[in-house]
Amino acid sequence: MSSVGLKDGRVLHVPGAPFILDATSVIIAPAAEDLAAIVPLIRDDQLLLFAKRLVDGARKRRFSERHREVNRAKLELARMCIERALAEGQKAPADEHG
């Protein structure tokens, strides 16, 4: 499980507890729109650390069929966090000088 501090002080755990399992005990991944809604809530100083935790968690369980969909969701969420960090990093210098 990966966790991150949100801007409002709460802590978010991915994939979250209790795990939602289907009939074959496969862990159900969060929906894509839910992942996209999470990214703006993450504290700026936590984006890259959280992305690393997500990737590490997916790597550890890469051979587990139960975690296949959750791993994809974690990697997608990590990608969105990295994209936000890059976007904010690129516009920061313009804000300072303009």
Protein backbone atom coordinates (compact mmCIF):
# COMPACT_ATOMS: atom_id res chain seq x y z
CA MET A 1 0.00 0.00 0.00
CA SER A 2 1.26 3.48 -0.84
CA SER A 3 0.20 6.53 1.11
CA VAL A 4 0.52 10.27 0.60
CA GLY A 5 -0.38 13.46 2.43
CA LEU A 6 -3.09 15.57 0.81
CA LYS A 7 -3.29 19.36 0.76
CA ASP A 8 -6.10 19.34 3.33
CA GLY A 9 -4.04 17.30 5.82
CA ARG A 10 -5.69 13.93 5.21
CA VAL A 11 -3.71 10.86 4.20
CA LEU A 12 -4.65 8.84 1.14
CA HIS A 13 -3.82 5.13 0.88
CA VAL A 14 -3.67 3.41 -2.52
CA PRO A 15 -5.28 0.98 -3.25
CA GLY A 16 -7.16 1.75 -0.05
CA ALA A 17 -8.62 -0.41 2.64
CA PRO A 18 -10.53 -2.57 2.73
CA PHE A 19 -9.40 -3.99 -0.57
CA ILE A 20 -12.24 -4.62 -2.99
CA LEU A 21 -11.96 -8.11 -4.41
CA ASP A 22 -13.83 -9.71 -7.26
CA ALA A 23 -15.07 -13.31 -7.19
CA THR A 24 -11.57 -14.65 -7.94
CA SER A 25 -9.88 -12.56 -5.19
CA VAL A 26 -8.36 -10.14 -7.69
CA ILE A 27 -7.95 -6.66 -6.21
CA ILE A 28 -10.09 -4.15 -8.12
CA ALA A 29 -8.22 -1.05 -9.29
CA PRO A 30 -9.65 2.45 -8.86
CA ALA A 31 -11.35 3.92 -11.93
CA ALA A 32 -9.29 6.17 -14.24
CA GLU A 33 -11.40 9.23 -13.42
CA ASP A 34 -10.86 8.60 -9.70
CA LEU A 35 -7.10 8.53 -10.29
CA ALA A 36 -7.24 11.81 -12.19
CA ALA A 37 -9.22 13.39 -9.35
CA ILE A 38 -6.56 12.39 -6.81
CA VAL A 39 -3.59 14.13 -8.46
CA PRO A 40 -4.64 17.77 -7.77
CA LEU A 41 -5.20 16.91 -4.09
CA ILE A 42 -1.61 15.75 -3.49
CA ARG A 43 0.75 18.17 -1.79
CA ASP A 44 3.34 19.59 -4.17
CA ASP A 45 6.27 18.40 -2.06
CA GLN A 46 4.87 14.85 -2.06
CA LEU A 47 4.35 14.33 -5.81
CA LEU A 48 7.65 12.71 -6.76
CA LEU A 49 8.00 10.78 -3.51
CA PHE A 50 4.50 9.36 -3.95
CA ALA A 51 5.25 8.48 -7.60
CA LYS A 52 8.34 6.58 -6.43
CA ARG A 53 6.31 4.69 -3.82
CA LEU A 54 3.71 3.77 -6.42
CA VAL A 55 6.33 2.46 -8.85
CA ASP A 56 8.15 0.55 -6.09
CA GLY A 57 4.89 -1.05 -4.95
CA ALA A 58 4.00 -2.11 -8.49
CA ARG A 59 7.50 -3.49 -9.02
CA LYS A 60 7.34 -5.61 -5.87
CA ARG A 61 4.10 -7.24 -6.98
CA ARG A 62 4.77 -7.38 -10.72
CA PHE A 63 4.30 -11.16 -10.93
CA SER A 64 1.08 -11.26 -8.89
CA GLU A 65 -2.06 -11.81 -10.95
CA ARG A 66 -4.12 -10.48 -8.03
CA HIS A 67 -2.35 -7.13 -8.26
CA ARG A 68 -2.17 -6.77 -12.06
CA GLU A 69 -4.91 -4.15 -12.43
CA VAL A 70 -3.88 -2.30 -9.27
CA ASN A 71 -0.29 -2.20 -10.55
CA ARG A 72 -1.48 -0.61 -13.80
CA ALA A 73 -3.49 1.93 -11.84
CA LYS A 74 -0.49 2.70 -9.61
CA LEU A 75 1.75 3.24 -12.64
CA GLU A 76 -0.86 5.45 -14.30
CA LEU A 77 -1.22 7.50 -11.12
CA ALA A 78 2.58 7.78 -10.87
CA ARG A 79 2.66 9.04 -14.48
CA MET A 80 0.06 11.70 -13.71
CA CYS A 81 1.99 12.81 -10.61
CA ILE A 82 5.21 13.11 -12.61
CA GLU A 83 3.43 15.07 -15.35
CA ARG A 84 2.03 17.48 -12.75
CA ALA A 85 5.44 17.90 -11.13
CA LEU A 86 7.02 18.62 -14.52
CA ALA A 87 4.28 21.06 -15.49
CA GLU A 88 4.57 22.95 -12.23
CA GLY A 89 8.34 22.94 -12.42
CA GLN A 90 8.26 24.37 -15.92
CA LYS A 91 5.92 27.22 -15.09
CA ALA A 92 7.59 28.18 -11.79
CA PRO A 93 10.46 30.19 -13.38
CA ALA A 94 8.01 32.17 -15.55
CA ASP A 95 6.04 33.12 -12.43
CA GLU A 96 9.19 34.41 -10.73
CA HIS A 97 10.26 36.63 -13.64
CA GLY A 98 6.96 37.59 -15.14
